[in-house]
C-alpha cells in the first residue's frame, strides 16, 4: 500500500520553526527517524520511505499554506493514492500546545490550508492529525502568534510531542485510522 503523508507549513526562513509549521516539523522528525532526506520536486519537498511493506511519500508543499490543496491533488494523482491513504498534519489553535488529535474528517475550522484542501479535493473526508499550538494570544493577535516561535516552555515539551506524532503516523499506516484514534486520541 502507498500513503501520502502531508505536513502543512510555509516555506522560507522567516517561517522556519514557527507554530504554523508544525506539519513541516513533524515530517522532518519522521524523515530523520526513517533516515531519508527531502528533495525538491514539483509543488514541494518530497521524501520516500518504506514501513513494513508500505510505501510512504512524505510531502512538504512549497505552495504556501493557503494553496496546499494543489500539491496534495497533484501528488495523489501522480502516485495514484486514494483519499483514504492520505494524512494531513496541521497546526491547530483550538487544542492546547502539544495536544494531538487524529480525525477521519471534519471542517476546516477556519484554517486556510485545510480550507484550500477541502475546496481542491471537493471533500472534508480526509484524515488529519491536528497538532495543538494553543491560543495564548490577545484579541486580534492570532496571525502574530501562529507565525511566532515556540516559547522556552513549549520547546521543552516539543520533542516528546513530535515523537508521539511520528508514532501516530506509523500507526495510521500500519493499523488504520480507527485503531490509531482509539490508541492515541485520549492520551
C-alpha atoms as a PDB file:
ATOM      1  CA  UNK A   1       0.000   0.000   0.000  1.00  0.00           C
ATOM      2  CA  UNK A   2       1.070   3.550  -0.693  1.00  0.00           C
ATOM      3  CA  UNK A   3       0.394   6.523   1.597  1.00  0.00           C
ATOM      4  CA  UNK A   4       0.731  10.268   1.122  1.00  0.00           C
ATOM      5  CA  UNK A   5       1.698  11.961   4.386  1.00  0.00           C
ATOM      6  CA  UNK A   6       1.462  15.740   4.098  1.00  0.00           C
ATOM      7  CA  UNK A   7       2.836  18.235   6.599  1.00  0.00           C
ATOM      8  CA  UNK A   8       1.406  21.720   6.212  1.00  0.00           C
ATOM      9  CA  UNK A   9       3.581  24.778   6.604  1.00  0.00           C
ATOM     10  CA  UNK A  10       5.097  27.734   4.826  1.00  0.00           C
ATOM     11  CA  UNK A  11       8.438  27.681   3.017  1.00  0.00           C
ATOM     12  CA  UNK A  12      11.175  30.204   3.734  1.00  0.00           C
ATOM     13  CA  UNK A  13      13.492  31.003   6.616  1.00  0.00           C
ATOM     14  CA  UNK A  14      11.092  33.550   8.118  1.00  0.00           C
ATOM     15  CA  UNK A  15       8.587  30.736   8.746  1.00  0.00           C
ATOM     16  CA  UNK A  16      11.027  28.037   9.876  1.00  0.00           C
ATOM     17  CA  UNK A  17      10.273  26.607  13.322  1.00  0.00           C
ATOM     18  CA  UNK A  18       7.101  28.671  13.807  1.00  0.00           C
ATOM     19  CA  UNK A  19       3.875  27.318  15.287  1.00  0.00           C
ATOM     20  CA  UNK A  20       2.215  27.382  11.855  1.00  0.00           C
ATOM     21  CA  UNK A  21       4.851  24.954  10.549  1.00  0.00           C
ATOM     22  CA  UNK A  22       4.058  22.052  12.882  1.00  0.00           C
ATOM     23  CA  UNK A  23       3.292  19.893   9.861  1.00  0.00           C
ATOM     24  CA  UNK A  24       6.757  20.533   8.408  1.00  0.00           C
ATOM     25  CA  UNK A  25       8.387  19.977  11.818  1.00  0.00           C
ATOM     26  CA  UNK A  26       6.598  16.648  12.266  1.00  0.00           C
ATOM     27  CA  UNK A  27       7.590  15.394   8.810  1.00  0.00           C
ATOM     28  CA  UNK A  28      11.184  16.488   9.376  1.00  0.00           C
ATOM     29  CA  UNK A  29      11.231  14.370  12.545  1.00  0.00           C
ATOM     30  CA  UNK A  30       9.630  11.439  10.695  1.00  0.00           C
ATOM     31  CA  UNK A  31      12.167  11.677   7.854  1.00  0.00           C
ATOM     32  CA  UNK A  32      15.077  11.877  10.286  1.00  0.00           C
ATOM     33  CA  UNK A  33      13.838   8.812  12.188  1.00  0.00           C
ATOM     34  CA  UNK A  34      13.436   6.990   8.856  1.00  0.00           C
ATOM     35  CA  UNK A  35      16.886   8.016   7.560  1.00  0.00           C
ATOM     36  CA  UNK A  36      15.512   9.741   4.470  1.00  0.00           C
ATOM     37  CA  UNK A  37      16.021  13.251   3.154  1.00  0.00           C
ATOM     38  CA  UNK A  38      13.710  15.593   1.297  1.00  0.00           C
ATOM     39  CA  UNK A  39      14.344  16.564  -2.315  1.00  0.00           C
ATOM     40  CA  UNK A  40      12.776  19.490  -4.124  1.00  0.00           C
ATOM     41  CA  UNK A  41      10.117  18.235  -6.514  1.00  0.00           C
ATOM     42  CA  UNK A  42       7.074  19.706  -8.208  1.00  0.00           C
ATOM     43  CA  UNK A  43       4.841  21.507  -5.674  1.00  0.00           C
ATOM     44  CA  UNK A  44       7.032  20.641  -2.704  1.00  0.00           C
ATOM     45  CA  UNK A  45       9.796  18.795  -0.919  1.00  0.00           C
ATOM     46  CA  UNK A  46       9.365  15.028  -1.144  1.00  0.00           C
ATOM     47  CA  UNK A  47      10.878  12.079   0.683  1.00  0.00           C
ATOM     48  CA  UNK A  48      10.027   8.403   0.349  1.00  0.00           C
ATOM     49  CA  UNK A  49      10.446   5.557   2.792  1.00  0.00           C
ATOM     50  CA  UNK A  50       9.138   2.090   3.491  1.00  0.00           C
ATOM     51  CA  UNK A  51       7.385   0.961   6.638  1.00  0.00           C
ATOM     52  CA  UNK A  52       6.812  -2.784   6.948  1.00  0.00           C
ATOM     53  CA  UNK A  53       5.997  -3.209   3.279  1.00  0.00           C
ATOM     54  CA  UNK A  54       4.100   0.067   2.891  1.00  0.00           C
ATOM     55  CA  UNK A  55       5.433   2.912   0.777  1.00  0.00           C
ATOM     56  CA  UNK A  56       5.185   6.338   2.396  1.00  0.00           C
ATOM     57  CA  UNK A  57       5.513   9.536   0.412  1.00  0.00           C
ATOM     58  CA  UNK A  58       6.233  12.472   2.692  1.00  0.00           C
ATOM     59  CA  UNK A  59       5.271  15.856   1.251  1.00  0.00           C
ATOM     60  CA  UNK A  60       6.004  19.367   2.484  1.00  0.00           C
ATOM     61  CA  UNK A  61       4.123  21.575  -0.014  1.00  0.00           C
ATOM     62  CA  UNK A  62       6.000  24.550  -1.445  1.00  0.00           C
ATOM     63  CA  UNK A  63       2.730  26.222  -2.403  1.00  0.00           C
ATOM     64  CA  UNK A  64       2.477  28.073   0.929  1.00  0.00           C
ATOM     65  CA  UNK A  65      -0.231  27.173   3.392  1.00  0.00           C
ATOM     66  CA  UNK A  66      -3.153  28.782   1.574  1.00  0.00           C
ATOM     67  CA  UNK A  67      -2.639  26.745  -1.617  1.00  0.00           C
ATOM     68  CA  UNK A  68      -1.768  23.361  -0.053  1.00  0.00           C
ATOM     69  CA  UNK A  69      -4.555  21.573  -1.931  1.00  0.00           C
ATOM     70  CA  UNK A  70      -2.732  21.991  -5.247  1.00  0.00           C
ATOM     71  CA  UNK A  71       0.268  19.983  -4.052  1.00  0.00           C
ATOM     72  CA  UNK A  72      -1.871  17.284  -2.456  1.00  0.00           C
ATOM     73  CA  UNK A  73      -4.056  16.823  -5.539  1.00  0.00           C
ATOM     74  CA  UNK A  74      -1.009  16.667  -7.819  1.00  0.00           C
ATOM     75  CA  UNK A  75       0.819  14.019  -5.754  1.00  0.00           C
ATOM     76  CA  UNK A  76      -2.330  11.965  -5.159  1.00  0.00           C
ATOM     77  CA  UNK A  77      -2.812  11.806  -8.930  1.00  0.00           C
ATOM     78  CA  UNK A  78       0.867  11.335  -9.726  1.00  0.00           C
ATOM     79  CA  UNK A  79       1.261   8.422  -7.290  1.00  0.00           C
ATOM     80  CA  UNK A  80      -2.305   7.087  -7.661  1.00  0.00           C
ATOM     81  CA  UNK A  81      -3.021   7.351  -3.943  1.00  0.00           C
ATOM     82  CA  UNK A  82      -6.665   7.151  -2.826  1.00  0.00           C
ATOM     83  CA  UNK A  83      -8.035   9.697  -0.370  1.00  0.00           C
ATOM     84  CA  UNK A  84      -8.274   7.066   2.407  1.00  0.00           C
ATOM     85  CA  UNK A  85      -4.474   6.777   2.313  1.00  0.00           C
ATOM     86  CA  UNK A  86      -3.784  10.489   2.716  1.00  0.00           C
ATOM     87  CA  UNK A  87      -2.914  12.026   6.089  1.00  0.00           C
ATOM     88  CA  UNK A  88      -2.506  15.780   6.593  1.00  0.00           C
ATOM     89  CA  UNK A  89      -0.598  17.100   9.621  1.00  0.00           C
ATOM     90  CA  UNK A  90      -1.732  20.575  10.618  1.00  0.00           C
ATOM     91  CA  UNK A  91      -1.344  23.089  13.449  1.00  0.00           C
ATOM     92  CA  UNK A  92      -4.480  23.792  15.499  1.00  0.00           C
ATOM     93  CA  UNK A  93      -5.130  26.773  17.798  1.00  0.00           C
ATOM     94  CA  UNK A  94      -8.208  25.049  19.270  1.00  0.00           C
ATOM     95  CA  UNK A  95      -6.002  22.492  21.063  1.00  0.00           C
ATOM     96  CA  UNK A  96      -3.557  23.194  23.902  1.00  0.00           C
ATOM     97  CA  UNK A  97       0.089  23.176  22.906  1.00  0.00           C
ATOM     98  CA  UNK A  98       1.271  19.643  22.225  1.00  0.00           C
ATOM     99  CA  UNK A  99      -2.173  18.021  22.212  1.00  0.00           C
ATOM    100  CA  UNK A 100      -2.533  15.590  19.305  1.00  0.00           C
ATOM    101  CA  UNK A 101      -5.849  14.541  17.758  1.00  0.00           C
ATOM    102  CA  UNK A 102      -6.392  12.338  14.761  1.00  0.00           C
ATOM    103  CA  UNK A 103      -9.653  12.809  12.846  1.00  0.00           C
ATOM    104  CA  UNK A 104     -11.065  10.950   9.849  1.00  0.00           C
ATOM    105  CA  UNK A 105     -12.776  14.098   8.524  1.00  0.00           C
ATOM    106  CA  UNK A 106     -14.179  17.424   9.650  1.00  0.00           C
ATOM    107  CA  UNK A 107     -14.464  21.095   8.943  1.00  0.00           C
ATOM    108  CA  UNK A 108     -11.532  23.352   8.220  1.00  0.00           C
ATOM    109  CA  UNK A 109     -12.247  25.293  11.469  1.00  0.00           C
ATOM    110  CA  UNK A 110     -11.058  28.482   9.798  1.00  0.00           C
ATOM    111  CA  UNK A 111      -7.642  27.056   8.870  1.00  0.00           C
ATOM    112  CA  UNK A 112      -6.722  28.382   5.427  1.00  0.00           C
ATOM    113  CA  UNK A 113      -4.617  25.369   4.490  1.00  0.00           C
ATOM    114  CA  UNK A 114      -7.436  22.947   5.297  1.00  0.00           C
ATOM    115  CA  UNK A 115      -9.936  25.213   3.526  1.00  0.00           C
ATOM    116  CA  UNK A 116      -7.920  25.071   0.311  1.00  0.00           C
ATOM    117  CA  UNK A 117      -7.531  21.281   0.549  1.00  0.00           C
ATOM    118  CA  UNK A 118     -11.290  20.943   1.039  1.00  0.00           C
ATOM    119  CA  UNK A 119     -12.005  23.212  -1.943  1.00  0.00           C
ATOM    120  CA  UNK A 120      -9.448  21.494  -4.182  1.00  0.00           C
ATOM    121  CA  UNK A 121     -10.410  17.902  -3.330  1.00  0.00           C
ATOM    122  CA  UNK A 122     -14.114  18.695  -3.079  1.00  0.00           C
ATOM    123  CA  UNK A 123     -14.496  16.965   0.283  1.00  0.00           C
ATOM    124  CA  UNK A 124     -13.844  17.220   4.025  1.00  0.00           C
ATOM    125  CA  UNK A 125     -13.392  13.443   4.195  1.00  0.00           C
ATOM    126  CA  UNK A 126      -9.644  13.105   4.548  1.00  0.00           C
ATOM    127  CA  UNK A 127      -7.615  12.209   7.630  1.00  0.00           C
ATOM    128  CA  UNK A 128      -5.849  14.929   9.545  1.00  0.00           C
ATOM    129  CA  UNK A 129      -3.539  14.878  12.531  1.00  0.00           C
ATOM    130  CA  UNK A 130      -4.115  18.085  14.467  1.00  0.00           C
ATOM    131  CA  UNK A 131      -1.067  19.315  16.418  1.00  0.00           C
ATOM    132  CA  UNK A 132      -2.180  21.727  19.130  1.00  0.00           C
ATOM    133  CA  UNK A 133      -0.379  25.058  19.303  1.00  0.00           C
ATOM    134  CA  UNK A 134      -2.660  26.691  21.870  1.00  0.00           C
ATOM    135  CA  UNK A 135      -4.306  30.080  21.674  1.00  0.00           C
ATOM    136  CA  UNK A 136      -2.355  32.213  24.118  1.00  0.00           C
ATOM    137  CA  UNK A 137      -2.719  35.434  22.171  1.00  0.00           C
ATOM    138  CA  UNK A 138      -4.672  38.668  22.666  1.00  0.00           C
ATOM    139  CA  UNK A 139      -7.689  39.572  20.562  1.00  0.00           C
ATOM    140  CA  UNK A 140      -6.505  40.309  17.028  1.00  0.00           C
ATOM    141  CA  UNK A 141      -3.127  38.670  17.662  1.00  0.00           C
ATOM    142  CA  UNK A 142      -3.677  35.270  16.063  1.00  0.00           C
ATOM    143  CA  UNK A 143      -1.520  35.855  12.964  1.00  0.00           C
ATOM    144  CA  UNK A 144       1.434  37.077  15.007  1.00  0.00           C
ATOM    145  CA  UNK A 145       1.023  34.155  17.398  1.00  0.00           C
ATOM    146  CA  UNK A 146       0.810  31.350  14.815  1.00  0.00           C
ATOM    147  CA  UNK A 147       3.731  32.803  12.856  1.00  0.00           C
ATOM    148  CA  UNK A 148       5.735  33.187  16.074  1.00  0.00           C
ATOM    149  CA  UNK A 149       8.353  30.866  17.517  1.00  0.00           C
ATOM    150  CA  UNK A 150       7.864  28.476  20.401  1.00  0.00           C
ATOM    151  CA  UNK A 151       8.343  29.701  23.939  1.00  0.00           C
ATOM    152  CA  UNK A 152      11.039  28.127  26.135  1.00  0.00           C
ATOM    153  CA  UNK A 153       8.346  26.091  27.888  1.00  0.00           C
ATOM    154  CA  UNK A 154       6.905  24.862  24.573  1.00  0.00           C
ATOM    155  CA  UNK A 155      10.385  23.943  23.338  1.00  0.00           C
ATOM    156  CA  UNK A 156      10.854  21.697  26.387  1.00  0.00           C
ATOM    157  CA  UNK A 157       7.821  19.527  25.576  1.00  0.00           C
ATOM    158  CA  UNK A 158       8.016  19.753  21.776  1.00  0.00           C
ATOM    159  CA  UNK A 159      10.426  16.808  21.175  1.00  0.00           C
ATOM    160  CA  UNK A 160       8.234  14.386  23.125  1.00  0.00           C
ATOM    161  CA  UNK A 161       5.027  15.548  21.406  1.00  0.00           C
ATOM    162  CA  UNK A 162       6.505  15.446  17.895  1.00  0.00           C
ATOM    163  CA  UNK A 163       7.818  11.957  18.710  1.00  0.00           C
ATOM    164  CA  UNK A 164       4.268  10.939  19.619  1.00  0.00           C
ATOM    165  CA  UNK A 165       3.015  12.415  16.323  1.00  0.00           C
ATOM    166  CA  UNK A 166       5.571  10.285  14.434  1.00  0.00           C
ATOM    167  CA  UNK A 167       4.240   7.174  16.200  1.00  0.00           C
ATOM    168  CA  UNK A 168       0.690   8.153  15.278  1.00  0.00           C
ATOM    169  CA  UNK A 169       1.649   8.441  11.604  1.00  0.00           C
ATOM    170  CA  UNK A 170       3.182   4.960  11.695  1.00  0.00           C
ATOM    171  CA  UNK A 171       0.081   3.577  13.390  1.00  0.00           C
ATOM    172  CA  UNK A 172      -2.187   5.243  10.803  1.00  0.00           C
ATOM    173  CA  UNK A 173      -0.316   3.465   8.004  1.00  0.00           C
ATOM    174  CA  UNK A 174       0.017   0.085   9.740  1.00  0.00           C
ATOM    175  CA  UNK A 175      -3.203  -0.217  11.763  1.00  0.00           C
ATOM    176  CA  UNK A 176      -5.652   2.214  10.160  1.00  0.00           C
ATOM    177  CA  UNK A 177      -7.326   5.378  11.338  1.00  0.00           C
ATOM    178  CA  UNK A 178      -9.881   3.886  13.731  1.00  0.00           C
ATOM    179  CA  UNK A 179      -7.349   1.857  15.698  1.00  0.00           C
ATOM    180  CA  UNK A 180      -4.961   4.818  15.804  1.00  0.00           C
ATOM    181  CA  UNK A 181      -7.671   7.175  17.073  1.00  0.00           C
ATOM    182  CA  UNK A 182      -8.608   4.654  19.775  1.00  0.00           C
ATOM    183  CA  UNK A 183      -4.985   4.221  20.833  1.00  0.00           C
ATOM    184  CA  UNK A 184      -3.848   7.832  20.867  1.00  0.00           C
ATOM    185  CA  UNK A 185      -6.694  10.380  20.958  1.00  0.00           C
ATOM    186  CA  UNK A 186      -7.353  10.054  24.683  1.00  0.00           C
ATOM    187  CA  UNK A 187      -3.716  10.497  25.733  1.00  0.00           C
END
